Amino acid sequence: MITRINLSIDESLMEHIRAEAEEKGTTPNNLVLSLLDERYKVERFDYANALRILEGEALQRKDGAAFTLKQLPSYKKLLSQAPDPYEVRARLGKLFYRRVAENKVSGITRAVSKDGKNKTICRAAAYVKGA
């Protein structure tokens, strides 16, 4: 079970958190969760590392061929290591999508169909290298 908490911090602390999260290729929320997990010795999924692995594999794909995260070689292995694969799958997909949308995965974009709409494969966001 996941419990939500609300936390209010001043803007200068938030700027430090944002900067470190950006440097590590994650979100402020995931950074804070990771720090709490380290402090309290909780086994948690390492999203930053998983994103680095998936981004590296995405960059090795053939130019112009559409793919989903599920089609990347390490995807299933990463999910098998997760404490809650369903939560991790959703969050990992959102993080990867956001990084692509913000042009932080050089050379990877959303695949677009001929009519200009974002392409999906089996209801999953499709990406493309190059092209």
C-alpha atoms as a PDB file:
ATOM      1  CA  MET A   1       0.000   0.000   0.000  1.00  0.00           C
ATOM      2  CA  ILE A   2       1.190   3.496  -0.827  1.00  0.00           C
ATOM      3  CA  THR A   3       0.530   6.404   1.502  1.00  0.00           C
ATOM      4  CA  ARG A   4       0.618   9.969   0.244  1.00  0.00           C
ATOM      5  CA  ILE A   5       2.087  12.789   2.308  1.00  0.00           C
ATOM      6  CA  ASN A   6       2.072  16.530   1.702  1.00  0.00           C
ATOM      7  CA  LEU A   7       5.322  18.332   2.365  1.00  0.00           C
ATOM      8  CA  SER A   8       5.888  22.081   2.289  1.00  0.00           C
ATOM      9  CA  ILE A   9       9.451  23.341   1.831  1.00  0.00           C
ATOM     10  CA  ASP A  10      10.911  26.738   1.037  1.00  0.00           C
ATOM     11  CA  GLU A  11      11.848  27.637  -2.534  1.00  0.00           C
ATOM     12  CA  SER A  12      15.622  27.639  -1.974  1.00  0.00           C
ATOM     13  CA  LEU A  13      15.541  24.025  -0.740  1.00  0.00           C
ATOM     14  CA  MET A  14      13.318  23.085  -3.670  1.00  0.00           C
ATOM     15  CA  GLU A  15      15.820  24.623  -6.094  1.00  0.00           C
ATOM     16  CA  HIS A  16      18.588  22.418  -4.636  1.00  0.00           C
ATOM     17  CA  ILE A  17      16.358  19.363  -4.967  1.00  0.00           C
ATOM     18  CA  ARG A  18      15.414  20.253  -8.563  1.00  0.00           C
ATOM     19  CA  ALA A  19      19.059  20.795  -9.513  1.00  0.00           C
ATOM     20  CA  GLU A  20      20.180  17.466  -8.046  1.00  0.00           C
ATOM     21  CA  ALA A  21      17.240  15.632  -9.613  1.00  0.00           C
ATOM     22  CA  GLU A  22      18.049  17.162 -13.006  1.00  0.00           C
ATOM     23  CA  GLU A  23      21.693  16.163 -12.633  1.00  0.00           C
ATOM     24  CA  LYS A  24      20.686  12.577 -11.823  1.00  0.00           C
ATOM     25  CA  GLY A  25      18.107  12.405 -14.621  1.00  0.00           C
ATOM     26  CA  THR A  26      15.101  11.948 -12.357  1.00  0.00           C
ATOM     27  CA  THR A  27      12.262  13.970 -10.863  1.00  0.00           C
ATOM     28  CA  PRO A  28      12.357  15.818  -7.535  1.00  0.00           C
ATOM     29  CA  ASN A  29       9.722  13.404  -6.199  1.00  0.00           C
ATOM     30  CA  ASN A  30      11.790  10.319  -7.065  1.00  0.00           C
ATOM     31  CA  LEU A  31      14.933  11.920  -5.654  1.00  0.00           C
ATOM     32  CA  VAL A  32      13.259  12.599  -2.296  1.00  0.00           C
ATOM     33  CA  LEU A  33      11.836   9.052  -2.241  1.00  0.00           C
ATOM     34  CA  SER A  34      15.297   7.630  -2.925  1.00  0.00           C
ATOM     35  CA  LEU A  35      16.842   9.701  -0.135  1.00  0.00           C
ATOM     36  CA  LEU A  36      14.172   8.564   2.324  1.00  0.00           C
ATOM     37  CA  ASP A  37      14.633   4.964   1.223  1.00  0.00           C
ATOM     38  CA  GLU A  38      18.397   5.198   1.771  1.00  0.00           C
ATOM     39  CA  ARG A  39      17.880   6.731   5.221  1.00  0.00           C
ATOM     40  CA  TYR A  40      15.393   4.101   6.321  1.00  0.00           C
ATOM     41  CA  LYS A  41      16.988   1.175   4.445  1.00  0.00           C
ATOM     42  CA  VAL A  42      13.965   0.423   2.308  1.00  0.00           C
ATOM     43  CA  GLU A  43      14.518  -1.563  -0.889  1.00  0.00           C
ATOM     44  CA  ARG A  44      13.239   0.638  -3.664  1.00  0.00           C
ATOM     45  CA  PHE A  45      13.425   0.616  -7.434  1.00  0.00           C
ATOM     46  CA  ASP A  46      16.219   2.781  -8.883  1.00  0.00           C
ATOM     47  CA  TYR A  47      14.403   4.771 -11.568  1.00  0.00           C
ATOM     48  CA  ALA A  48      17.425   6.866 -12.555  1.00  0.00           C
ATOM     49  CA  ASN A  49      19.484   3.758 -13.268  1.00  0.00           C
ATOM     50  CA  ALA A  50      16.618   2.073 -15.116  1.00  0.00           C
ATOM     51  CA  LEU A  51      16.157   5.159 -17.297  1.00  0.00           C
ATOM     52  CA  ARG A  52      19.881   5.239 -18.127  1.00  0.00           C
ATOM     53  CA  ILE A  53      19.719   1.586 -19.195  1.00  0.00           C
ATOM     54  CA  LEU A  54      16.571   2.027 -21.304  1.00  0.00           C
ATOM     55  CA  GLU A  55      17.809   5.257 -22.891  1.00  0.00           C
ATOM     56  CA  GLY A  56      21.074   3.543 -23.843  1.00  0.00           C
ATOM     57  CA  GLU A  57      19.185   0.657 -25.430  1.00  0.00           C
ATOM     58  CA  ALA A  58      16.832   3.049 -27.231  1.00  0.00           C
ATOM     59  CA  LEU A  59      19.838   4.802 -28.753  1.00  0.00           C
ATOM     60  CA  GLN A  60      21.050   1.451 -30.119  1.00  0.00           C
ATOM     61  CA  ARG A  61      17.821   0.858 -32.050  1.00  0.00           C
ATOM     62  CA  LYS A  62      17.744   0.963 -35.833  1.00  0.00           C
ATOM     63  CA  ASP A  63      17.038   4.449 -37.207  1.00  0.00           C
ATOM     64  CA  GLY A  64      13.422   5.002 -38.202  1.00  0.00           C
ATOM     65  CA  ALA A  65      12.003   1.807 -36.657  1.00  0.00           C
ATOM     66  CA  ALA A  66       9.250   2.458 -34.095  1.00  0.00           C
ATOM     67  CA  PHE A  67       9.544   0.719 -30.725  1.00  0.00           C
ATOM     68  CA  THR A  68       8.005   0.681 -27.262  1.00  0.00           C
ATOM     69  CA  LEU A  69       9.780   0.389 -23.934  1.00  0.00           C
ATOM     70  CA  LYS A  70       8.575  -3.214 -23.696  1.00  0.00           C
ATOM     71  CA  GLN A  71      10.586  -4.038 -26.819  1.00  0.00           C
ATOM     72  CA  LEU A  72      13.882  -2.939 -25.264  1.00  0.00           C
ATOM     73  CA  PRO A  73      16.045  -5.884 -24.113  1.00  0.00           C
ATOM     74  CA  SER A  74      16.316  -4.958 -20.410  1.00  0.00           C
ATOM     75  CA  TYR A  75      12.718  -3.875 -19.844  1.00  0.00           C
ATOM     76  CA  LYS A  76      11.349  -7.200 -18.574  1.00  0.00           C
ATOM     77  CA  LYS A  77      14.406  -7.805 -16.392  1.00  0.00           C
ATOM     78  CA  LEU A  78      14.073  -4.357 -14.804  1.00  0.00           C
ATOM     79  CA  LEU A  79      10.397  -4.954 -14.020  1.00  0.00           C
ATOM     80  CA  SER A  80      11.181  -8.371 -12.541  1.00  0.00           C
ATOM     81  CA  GLN A  81      13.470  -6.646 -10.017  1.00  0.00           C
ATOM     82  CA  ALA A  82      10.793  -4.161  -8.962  1.00  0.00           C
ATOM     83  CA  PRO A  83       8.959  -4.483  -5.640  1.00  0.00           C
ATOM     84  CA  ASP A  84       5.713  -3.490  -7.402  1.00  0.00           C
ATOM     85  CA  PRO A  85       6.041  -4.076 -11.177  1.00  0.00           C
ATOM     86  CA  TYR A  86       2.731  -2.380 -12.031  1.00  0.00           C
ATOM     87  CA  GLU A  87       3.658   0.833 -10.236  1.00  0.00           C
ATOM     88  CA  VAL A  88       7.173   0.776 -11.691  1.00  0.00           C
ATOM     89  CA  ARG A  89       5.911   0.126 -15.240  1.00  0.00           C
ATOM     90  CA  ALA A  90       3.600   3.139 -15.101  1.00  0.00           C
ATOM     91  CA  ARG A  91       6.104   5.498 -13.489  1.00  0.00           C
ATOM     92  CA  LEU A  92       8.971   4.378 -15.716  1.00  0.00           C
ATOM     93  CA  GLY A  93       6.820   4.942 -18.798  1.00  0.00           C
ATOM     94  CA  LYS A  94       5.871   8.443 -17.645  1.00  0.00           C
ATOM     95  CA  LEU A  95       9.466   9.343 -16.824  1.00  0.00           C
ATOM     96  CA  PHE A  96      10.768   8.095 -20.181  1.00  0.00           C
ATOM     97  CA  TYR A  97       7.948   9.923 -22.002  1.00  0.00           C
ATOM     98  CA  ARG A  98       8.744  13.171 -20.175  1.00  0.00           C
ATOM     99  CA  ARG A  99      12.481  12.902 -20.883  1.00  0.00           C
ATOM    100  CA  VAL A 100      11.778  12.351 -24.601  1.00  0.00           C
ATOM    101  CA  ALA A 101       9.272  15.241 -24.674  1.00  0.00           C
ATOM    102  CA  GLU A 102      11.858  17.530 -23.054  1.00  0.00           C
ATOM    103  CA  ASN A 103      14.509  16.432 -25.614  1.00  0.00           C
ATOM    104  CA  LYS A 104      16.697  14.908 -22.898  1.00  0.00           C
ATOM    105  CA  VAL A 105      17.162  11.644 -24.806  1.00  0.00           C
ATOM    106  CA  SER A 106      19.166  12.848 -27.778  1.00  0.00           C
ATOM    107  CA  GLY A 107      17.952  11.339 -31.031  1.00  0.00           C
ATOM    108  CA  ILE A 108      14.768   9.728 -29.652  1.00  0.00           C
ATOM    109  CA  THR A 109      11.343  11.209 -30.405  1.00  0.00           C
ATOM    110  CA  ARG A 110       7.730  10.092 -30.239  1.00  0.00           C
ATOM    111  CA  ALA A 111       6.783   8.108 -33.310  1.00  0.00           C
ATOM    112  CA  VAL A 112       4.150   9.889 -35.364  1.00  0.00           C
ATOM    113  CA  SER A 113       1.671   8.303 -37.772  1.00  0.00           C
ATOM    114  CA  LYS A 114       1.089   9.599 -41.312  1.00  0.00           C
ATOM    115  CA  ASP A 115      -1.854  11.685 -40.098  1.00  0.00           C
ATOM    116  CA  GLY A 116       0.400  13.466 -37.571  1.00  0.00           C
ATOM    117  CA  LYS A 117      -0.896  11.771 -34.413  1.00  0.00           C
ATOM    118  CA  ASN A 118       1.352  10.174 -31.799  1.00  0.00           C
ATOM    119  CA  LYS A 119       1.761   6.522 -32.687  1.00  0.00           C
ATOM    120  CA  THR A 120       1.108   3.662 -30.286  1.00  0.00           C
ATOM    121  CA  ILE A 121       1.877  -0.042 -30.491  1.00  0.00           C
ATOM    122  CA  CYS A 122      -0.542  -2.228 -28.504  1.00  0.00           C
ATOM    123  CA  ARG A 123      -1.706   0.931 -26.654  1.00  0.00           C
ATOM    124  CA  ALA A 124       1.869   1.764 -25.554  1.00  0.00           C
ATOM    125  CA  ALA A 125       3.655   4.970 -26.551  1.00  0.00           C
ATOM    126  CA  ALA A 126       5.866   4.364 -29.584  1.00  0.00           C
ATOM    127  CA  TYR A 127       9.234   6.048 -30.006  1.00  0.00           C
ATOM    128  CA  VAL A 128      11.664   6.270 -32.885  1.00  0.00           C
ATOM    129  CA  LYS A 129      15.392   6.855 -33.166  1.00  0.00           C
ATOM    130  CA  GLY A 130      16.526   9.353 -35.751  1.00  0.00           C
ATOM    131  CA  ALA A 131      14.322   9.800 -38.789  1.00  0.00           C
END
